Amino acid sequence: MNRRRYRLEELAHLIKGEYFGEKDFQVSNLASLELAQNQHICFVNGEKYLAQAEASHAGAYIVTETLKQQLNQKKNFIVVDNPYLAFAVLTHVFETKIVQRGIELTAQIHPSATIADEVYIGHYVVIGENCVVGRNTIIQAHSFIDDGVEIGKDCFIDAHVTITGQAKLKDRVRIHANTAIGTEGFGFAPYQDKWHRIAQLGSVQIGNGVRIGSNCSIDRGALDDTILEDGVIIDNLVQIAHNVYIGANTAIAAKCGVAGSTKIGKNCILGGACGVVGHLEITDNVILTAMSMVTKNISEAGTYSSGMGLFENSHWKKTIVRLRQLADVPLTQITKRLDHMQAQLESLESTLKLRK
C-alpha cells in the first residue's frame, strides 16, 4: 500500500518550495481547481486561473510568490518558481506504484535469460533465449520478450507488449499496452508486378528515459538500426518505420507517422497526426503543428504548419471553389496580371507626384 496522506511541510520539502500556513495540514491527493475538496492540493499556473482558484474548495495551493499575494482569501500555500513542474513532481508522490516483486508461476523464461534481482514478471510473460532484464524492471502480464532482447533497469513494460528483433532498451524506459517494438519494417522490392519481401536485418536501440505510449509500432531497421535517443516521448497510436533516427528529448503526439530512413533532430515537437515522408532530415528544435505533412527537408529551427484549419462549412466550400479556380489559372498568367497591376500602381504614383 502506498502512503496516501502528507503534511504540507513534507510536500514543500519534496518540491523544494516554501510553505505558508499550517505546516501539519494533511493533504490526501492532487485535484483540479474545479473538483478539489479541503483535503486536496491544487496548482495555479498563471493569472488566468486566479478566478478559478478563488472559487476553489482546495485546502492548499501550489503558486508563485506573485500569485500567492493575489489569493489573499486562502491560507495554505507552497510557493515555487514553476507550479506546473512542481505538480508534475507531486504526481509521482501520489501515484499508485507497483510494489510487488518476483516471477509469477505462469511466466515462461528460457534458462539462458539473465534476470536481475527485484524484478516483477507477470502472468504468462514469455522471455526468450539470451534475454537480459535489468534490476527493478516490471513486465506486466502476457508480454512477449523475444530472443536476444535486452531491457535495462527501472523499466516498465505494460501488458501485451511485444519486443522482438533483438531490440536493446536502456534504463527507465516505459512502454505501454499493446505496443510492438522491433517488428518487421515495411520493405518490399517491386519486380514483374509483384512485391518481393526484404528481410529486415537491423534492430531497435532505445535510450534512457524513453516513454512510448499504447498501440505504437517501432519497426526494426532493414540494415541499420532504428534509434530513439534519450528522453524521447511518444504518444499513443504512433508509427515509426525502419531506420528512423529520433534525436534526444523529441516529443511525438498521437497518430503521427514517420516513414523509413527519416532523421529527426533533438528537442523537436510533432503535433498530433503529423506525417513525415521517408528519407528526410529535420533539424533540431523544430515544431510541427497538428496534421502537418512534411515532404522536404527542414534545415532551420522554427515552427512549421501545413494543411487547412477549420472553417464554418459554407465558408470552407467557398474557399475550396476559389482554390480550384486558382489552380485552373496558369501561373504565368497570374504573374503577368500581377506585373500589370504593379505597373499601373507605379504609373498612378508618378502621376500623383507630378500633380504635387
Protein backbone atom coordinates (compact mmCIF):
# COMPACT_ATOMS: atom_id res chain seq x y z
CA MET A 1 0.00 0.00 0.00
CA ASN A 2 1.26 3.47 -0.87
CA ARG A 3 1.09 6.19 1.72
CA ARG A 4 -1.80 8.50 0.89
CA ARG A 5 -1.53 11.47 3.29
CA TYR A 6 1.26 14.02 3.58
CA ARG A 7 1.77 17.13 5.68
CA LEU A 8 2.05 20.45 3.88
CA GLU A 9 5.61 20.88 5.19
CA GLU A 10 6.61 17.46 3.77
CA LEU A 11 5.24 18.27 0.33
CA ALA A 12 7.02 21.63 0.30
CA HIS A 13 10.29 19.86 1.02
CA LEU A 14 9.68 17.33 -1.76
CA ILE A 15 9.20 20.05 -4.40
CA LYS A 16 11.83 22.41 -2.96
CA GLY A 17 9.24 25.05 -2.18
CA GLU A 18 8.39 27.23 0.83
CA TYR A 19 5.19 26.52 2.74
CA PHE A 20 2.87 29.15 4.23
CA GLY A 21 0.01 28.36 6.60
CA GLU A 22 -0.49 25.20 8.65
CA LYS A 23 2.62 23.07 8.32
CA ASP A 24 0.75 20.00 9.63
CA PHE A 25 -2.18 20.40 7.23
CA GLN A 26 -2.96 16.93 5.84
CA VAL A 27 -3.10 16.50 2.06
CA SER A 28 -4.55 13.28 0.63
CA ASN A 29 -4.22 13.92 -3.12
CA LEU A 30 -3.87 16.34 -6.01
CA ALA A 31 -7.01 17.65 -7.69
CA SER A 32 -8.21 20.14 -10.28
CA LEU A 33 -9.30 23.58 -9.13
CA GLU A 34 -12.89 22.80 -10.13
CA LEU A 35 -13.26 19.50 -8.26
CA ALA A 36 -10.90 19.93 -5.31
CA GLN A 37 -12.09 19.47 -1.73
CA ASN A 38 -10.48 20.58 1.52
CA GLN A 39 -8.09 17.60 1.70
CA HIS A 40 -6.67 18.29 -1.77
CA ILE A 41 -3.83 20.43 -3.11
CA CYS A 42 -4.02 22.22 -6.48
CA PHE A 43 -1.60 24.17 -8.63
CA VAL A 44 -2.28 27.60 -10.12
CA ASN A 45 -0.33 28.05 -13.34
CA GLY A 46 -0.88 31.69 -14.18
CA GLU A 47 -3.07 34.70 -13.54
CA LYS A 48 -5.77 33.48 -15.93
CA TYR A 49 -6.62 30.78 -13.36
CA LEU A 50 -6.96 33.16 -10.40
CA ALA A 51 -10.76 33.33 -10.57
CA GLN A 52 -10.98 29.52 -10.55
CA ALA A 53 -8.56 29.39 -7.63
CA GLU A 54 -10.61 31.92 -5.65
CA ALA A 55 -13.73 29.79 -6.18
CA SER A 56 -11.97 26.50 -5.43
CA HIS A 57 -12.52 24.50 -2.24
CA ALA A 58 -8.97 23.13 -2.17
CA GLY A 59 -7.15 23.09 1.15
CA ALA A 60 -3.78 24.14 -0.28
CA TYR A 61 -2.33 25.69 -3.43
CA ILE A 62 0.97 25.49 -5.30
CA VAL A 63 1.69 29.00 -6.57
CA THR A 64 4.36 31.55 -7.37
CA GLU A 65 5.04 34.38 -4.90
CA THR A 66 3.13 36.82 -7.13
CA LEU A 67 0.08 34.58 -7.33
CA LYS A 68 0.10 33.99 -3.57
CA GLN A 69 -0.21 37.71 -2.93
CA GLN A 70 -3.32 37.83 -5.11
CA LEU A 71 -5.03 34.90 -3.36
CA ASN A 72 -5.42 36.69 -0.04
CA GLN A 73 -8.55 34.73 0.92
CA LYS A 74 -6.62 31.44 1.01
CA LYS A 75 -4.26 30.37 3.78
CA ASN A 76 -2.23 27.25 2.86
CA PHE A 77 0.38 27.57 0.12
CA ILE A 78 3.56 26.10 -1.28
CA VAL A 79 5.46 28.80 -3.16
CA VAL A 80 7.71 27.68 -6.04
CA ASP A 81 9.10 29.20 -9.22
CA ASN A 82 7.28 26.77 -11.54
CA PRO A 83 3.92 25.43 -10.23
CA TYR A 84 3.36 23.13 -13.21
CA LEU A 85 6.73 21.42 -12.74
CA ALA A 86 6.05 21.09 -9.00
CA PHE A 87 2.70 19.49 -9.83
CA ALA A 88 4.47 17.02 -12.14
CA VAL A 89 6.82 16.02 -9.30
CA LEU A 90 3.94 15.52 -6.87
CA THR A 91 2.03 13.26 -9.25
CA HIS A 92 4.77 10.68 -8.62
CA VAL A 93 4.27 11.04 -4.86
CA PHE A 94 0.55 10.22 -5.07
CA GLU A 95 0.82 7.71 -7.92
CA THR A 96 -0.22 4.14 -7.10
CA LYS A 97 3.01 2.21 -7.57
CA ILE A 98 3.58 -1.45 -8.35
CA VAL A 99 5.49 -2.71 -5.34
CA GLN A 100 5.10 -6.43 -5.96
CA ARG A 101 8.30 -8.26 -6.90
CA GLY A 102 9.01 -11.77 -8.07
CA ILE A 103 8.18 -14.03 -11.00
CA GLU A 104 4.70 -15.47 -11.46
CA LEU A 105 4.49 -19.25 -11.86
CA THR A 106 2.79 -18.94 -15.25
CA ALA A 107 5.68 -16.95 -16.76
CA GLN A 108 7.92 -18.83 -19.19
CA ILE A 109 11.58 -17.83 -19.03
CA HIS A 110 14.31 -19.51 -21.06
CA PRO A 111 17.15 -20.87 -18.88
CA SER A 112 19.72 -18.78 -20.78
CA ALA A 113 17.97 -15.49 -19.92
CA THR A 114 19.59 -13.20 -17.34
CA ILE A 115 17.03 -11.83 -14.90
CA ALA A 116 18.22 -9.33 -12.29
CA ASP A 117 17.03 -9.08 -8.69
CA GLU A 118 13.93 -7.19 -7.58
CA VAL A 119 12.05 -7.53 -10.87
CA TYR A 120 8.38 -8.32 -11.35
CA ILE A 121 7.45 -10.62 -14.22
CA GLY A 122 3.70 -11.06 -14.58
CA HIS A 123 1.43 -13.92 -15.54
CA TYR A 124 2.02 -15.58 -18.92
CA VAL A 125 5.00 -13.43 -19.81
CA VAL A 126 7.35 -15.17 -22.27
CA ILE A 127 11.09 -14.35 -22.19
CA GLY A 128 13.28 -15.95 -24.85
CA GLU A 129 16.87 -17.11 -25.18
CA ASN A 130 19.74 -14.89 -24.07
CA CYS A 131 17.47 -12.06 -22.97
CA VAL A 132 18.55 -9.61 -20.27
CA VAL A 133 16.16 -7.94 -17.82
CA GLY A 134 17.64 -5.29 -15.53
CA ARG A 135 17.11 -4.64 -11.86
CA ASN A 136 13.78 -3.24 -10.65
CA THR A 137 12.12 -3.67 -14.05
CA ILE A 138 8.42 -4.55 -14.25
CA ILE A 139 6.99 -6.67 -17.06
CA GLN A 140 3.21 -6.99 -16.98
CA ALA A 141 1.06 -9.96 -17.98
CA HIS A 142 1.09 -11.54 -21.45
CA SER A 143 4.10 -9.60 -22.74
CA PHE A 144 6.46 -11.31 -25.18
CA ILE A 145 10.20 -10.65 -24.95
CA ASP A 146 11.84 -12.38 -27.92
CA ASP A 147 15.30 -13.95 -28.16
CA GLY A 148 18.25 -11.63 -27.66
CA VAL A 149 16.27 -8.64 -26.35
CA GLU A 150 17.94 -6.56 -23.64
CA ILE A 151 15.96 -4.44 -21.18
CA GLY A 152 17.73 -2.12 -18.73
CA LYS A 153 16.96 -1.33 -15.12
CA ASP A 154 13.92 0.52 -13.73
CA CYS A 155 11.91 -0.11 -16.91
CA PHE A 156 8.15 -0.62 -17.12
CA ILE A 157 6.73 -2.92 -19.81
CA ASP A 158 2.94 -2.89 -19.79
CA ALA A 159 0.62 -5.79 -20.61
CA HIS A 160 0.56 -7.37 -24.09
CA VAL A 161 3.72 -5.63 -25.28
CA THR A 162 5.89 -7.38 -27.90
CA ILE A 163 9.62 -6.67 -28.02
CA THR A 164 11.49 -8.51 -30.75
CA GLY A 165 14.25 -8.04 -33.34
CA GLN A 166 16.98 -8.19 -30.66
CA ALA A 167 15.98 -4.71 -29.53
CA LYS A 168 18.11 -3.01 -26.87
CA LEU A 169 16.42 -0.83 -24.24
CA LYS A 170 18.45 1.25 -21.80
CA ASP A 171 17.26 2.32 -18.33
CA ARG A 172 13.94 3.85 -17.21
CA VAL A 173 12.12 3.04 -20.44
CA ARG A 174 8.31 2.90 -20.25
CA ILE A 175 6.33 1.04 -22.92
CA HIS A 176 2.56 0.89 -22.64
CA ALA A 177 -0.03 -1.72 -23.54
CA ASN A 178 -0.20 -3.43 -26.94
CA THR A 179 2.84 -1.72 -28.40
CA ALA A 180 5.22 -3.64 -30.68
CA ILE A 181 8.94 -2.88 -30.71
CA GLY A 182 11.32 -4.35 -33.29
CA THR A 183 8.78 -5.92 -35.60
CA GLU A 184 9.42 -6.20 -39.33
CA GLY A 185 9.72 -2.98 -41.29
CA PHE A 186 7.66 -2.37 -44.42
CA GLY A 187 10.30 -3.26 -47.01
CA PHE A 188 9.47 -4.74 -50.43
CA ALA A 189 11.18 -4.68 -53.83
CA PRO A 190 8.84 -4.41 -56.85
CA TYR A 191 9.63 -6.75 -59.75
CA GLN A 192 7.44 -8.18 -62.53
CA ASP A 193 4.20 -6.91 -60.98
CA LYS A 194 4.97 -8.48 -57.61
CA TRP A 195 6.26 -7.28 -54.26
CA HIS A 196 9.32 -9.17 -53.02
CA ARG A 197 9.82 -9.06 -49.28
CA ILE A 198 13.10 -7.64 -47.96
CA ALA A 199 14.22 -9.36 -44.77
CA GLN A 200 14.81 -6.80 -42.02
CA LEU A 201 18.29 -7.35 -40.56
CA GLY A 202 18.65 -4.30 -38.28
CA SER A 203 17.39 -3.79 -34.75
CA VAL A 204 15.97 -1.07 -32.48
CA GLN A 205 18.02 0.96 -30.00
CA ILE A 206 16.08 2.83 -27.31
CA GLY A 207 17.82 5.30 -25.00
CA ASN A 208 17.42 6.19 -21.34
CA GLY A 209 14.15 7.63 -20.09
CA VAL A 210 12.20 7.00 -23.30
CA ARG A 211 8.41 6.76 -23.00
CA ILE A 212 6.30 5.01 -25.66
CA GLY A 213 2.50 5.00 -25.45
CA SER A 214 -0.08 2.33 -26.20
CA ASN A 215 -0.68 0.74 -29.60
CA CYS A 216 2.51 2.04 -31.20
CA SER A 217 4.76 0.30 -33.72
CA ILE A 218 8.51 0.88 -33.77
CA ASP A 219 9.94 -1.12 -36.69
CA ARG A 220 13.40 -2.65 -36.71
CA GLY A 221 15.87 -1.38 -39.28
CA ALA A 222 16.34 -3.00 -42.66
CA LEU A 223 20.14 -2.84 -42.31
CA ASP A 224 20.99 -0.04 -39.86
CA ASP A 225 19.12 0.19 -36.56
CA THR A 226 16.07 2.28 -35.76
CA ILE A 227 17.22 4.63 -32.98
CA LEU A 228 15.35 6.59 -30.31
CA GLU A 229 17.77 8.71 -28.30
CA ASP A 230 17.50 9.57 -24.59
CA GLY A 231 14.37 11.32 -23.36
CA VAL A 232 12.19 10.77 -26.44
CA ILE A 233 8.47 10.70 -25.57
CA ILE A 234 5.89 9.16 -27.89
CA ASP A 235 2.12 9.29 -27.52
CA ASN A 236 -0.36 6.51 -28.40
CA LEU A 237 -1.00 5.25 -31.94
CA VAL A 238 2.30 6.31 -33.48
CA GLN A 239 4.13 4.52 -36.31
CA ILE A 240 7.92 4.78 -36.53
CA ALA A 241 9.22 3.00 -39.64
CA HIS A 242 12.51 1.20 -40.22
CA ASN A 243 15.85 3.00 -39.93
CA VAL A 244 14.30 6.15 -38.45
CA TYR A 245 16.50 8.20 -36.11
CA ILE A 246 14.85 10.38 -33.46
CA GLY A 247 17.03 12.80 -31.52
CA ALA A 248 17.08 13.32 -27.76
CA ASN A 249 14.04 14.82 -25.98
CA THR A 250 11.85 14.94 -29.07
CA ALA A 251 8.10 14.63 -28.42
CA ILE A 252 5.70 12.97 -30.87
CA ALA A 253 1.94 13.27 -30.32
CA ALA A 254 -0.75 10.71 -31.16
CA LYS A 255 -1.42 9.38 -34.67
CA CYS A 256 1.84 10.59 -36.19
CA GLY A 257 3.56 8.51 -38.85
CA VAL A 258 7.25 8.72 -39.69
CA ALA A 259 8.33 6.90 -42.86
CA GLY A 260 11.55 4.97 -43.28
CA SER A 261 15.11 6.34 -43.04
CA THR A 262 14.00 9.74 -41.79
CA LYS A 263 16.21 11.60 -39.32
CA ILE A 264 14.55 13.87 -36.76
CA GLY A 265 16.73 16.12 -34.61
CA LYS A 266 16.68 16.71 -30.87
CA ASN A 267 14.13 18.81 -28.95
CA CYS A 268 11.57 18.64 -31.75
CA ILE A 269 7.79 18.52 -31.26
CA LEU A 270 5.42 16.79 -33.69
CA GLY A 271 1.78 17.72 -33.09
CA GLY A 272 -1.00 15.17 -33.45
CA ALA A 273 -1.49 13.36 -36.77
CA CYS A 274 1.62 14.73 -38.47
CA GLY A 275 3.06 12.77 -41.37
CA VAL A 276 6.72 12.68 -42.42
CA VAL A 277 7.70 11.08 -45.73
CA GLY A 278 10.80 8.91 -45.93
CA HIS A 279 14.49 9.75 -46.34
CA LEU A 280 14.17 13.30 -44.99
CA GLU A 281 16.14 15.22 -42.39
CA ILE A 282 14.54 17.52 -39.82
CA THR A 283 16.98 19.65 -37.84
CA ASP A 284 16.93 20.29 -34.07
CA ASN A 285 14.28 22.43 -32.33
CA VAL A 286 11.58 22.14 -34.98
CA ILE A 287 7.88 22.30 -34.06
CA LEU A 288 5.30 20.81 -36.43
CA THR A 289 1.74 21.88 -35.68
CA ALA A 290 -1.01 19.27 -35.74
CA MET A 291 -1.75 17.48 -39.04
CA SER A 292 1.29 18.90 -40.81
CA MET A 293 2.68 16.93 -43.75
CA VAL A 294 6.45 17.08 -44.20
CA THR A 295 7.57 16.41 -47.77
CA LYS A 296 11.01 18.01 -47.80
CA ASN A 297 13.99 18.54 -45.52
CA ILE A 298 13.75 21.14 -42.74
CA SER A 299 17.14 22.71 -42.16
CA GLU A 300 16.23 25.66 -39.91
CA ALA A 301 14.72 25.57 -36.42
CA GLY A 302 11.24 27.05 -36.03
CA THR A 303 7.54 26.29 -36.20
CA TYR A 304 6.05 24.83 -39.38
CA SER A 305 2.48 24.12 -40.45
CA SER A 306 0.60 22.74 -43.42
CA GLY A 307 -2.95 21.83 -44.30
CA MET A 308 -6.02 23.97 -43.78
CA GLY A 309 -7.56 24.91 -40.45
CA LEU A 310 -11.22 24.55 -39.60
CA PHE A 311 -13.84 26.78 -41.28
CA GLU A 312 -17.58 27.02 -40.89
CA ASN A 313 -18.84 24.64 -43.58
CA SER A 314 -20.24 27.19 -46.07
CA HIS A 315 -17.06 29.27 -45.79
CA TRP A 316 -14.95 26.16 -46.36
CA LYS A 317 -16.90 25.27 -49.52
CA LYS A 318 -16.40 28.76 -50.94
CA THR A 319 -12.69 28.60 -50.15
CA ILE A 320 -12.29 25.26 -51.89
CA VAL A 321 -14.08 26.59 -55.00
CA ARG A 322 -11.72 29.57 -55.10
CA LEU A 323 -8.69 27.34 -54.67
CA ARG A 324 -9.83 25.17 -57.58
CA GLN A 325 -10.41 28.24 -59.73
CA LEU A 326 -6.95 29.49 -58.85
CA ALA A 327 -5.45 26.09 -59.69
CA ASP A 328 -7.02 26.27 -63.16
CA VAL A 329 -5.26 29.55 -63.97
CA PRO A 330 -1.70 29.09 -65.30
CA LEU A 331 0.95 30.55 -63.03
CA THR A 332 2.41 32.59 -65.88
CA GLN A 333 -0.96 34.24 -66.41
CA ILE A 334 -1.21 35.16 -62.72
CA THR A 335 2.32 36.57 -62.79
CA LYS A 336 1.53 38.71 -65.86
CA ARG A 337 -1.59 40.10 -64.19
CA LEU A 338 0.36 40.98 -61.04
CA ASP A 339 3.09 42.66 -63.12
CA HIS A 340 0.42 44.65 -64.98
CA MET A 341 -1.21 45.76 -61.72
CA GLN A 342 2.17 46.79 -60.30
CA ALA A 343 2.93 48.83 -63.43
CA GLN A 344 -0.45 50.58 -63.15
CA LEU A 345 0.20 51.41 -59.47
CA GLU A 346 3.64 52.80 -60.26
CA SER A 347 2.17 54.93 -63.08
CA LEU A 348 -0.54 56.24 -60.77
CA GLU A 349 2.04 57.11 -58.09
CA SER A 350 4.13 59.02 -60.68
CA THR A 351 1.08 60.98 -61.83
CA LEU A 352 0.20 61.98 -58.27
CA LYS A 353 3.74 63.17 -57.61
CA LEU A 354 3.71 65.34 -60.77
CA ARG A 355 0.44 66.99 -59.71
CA LYS A 356 2.00 67.92 -56.41
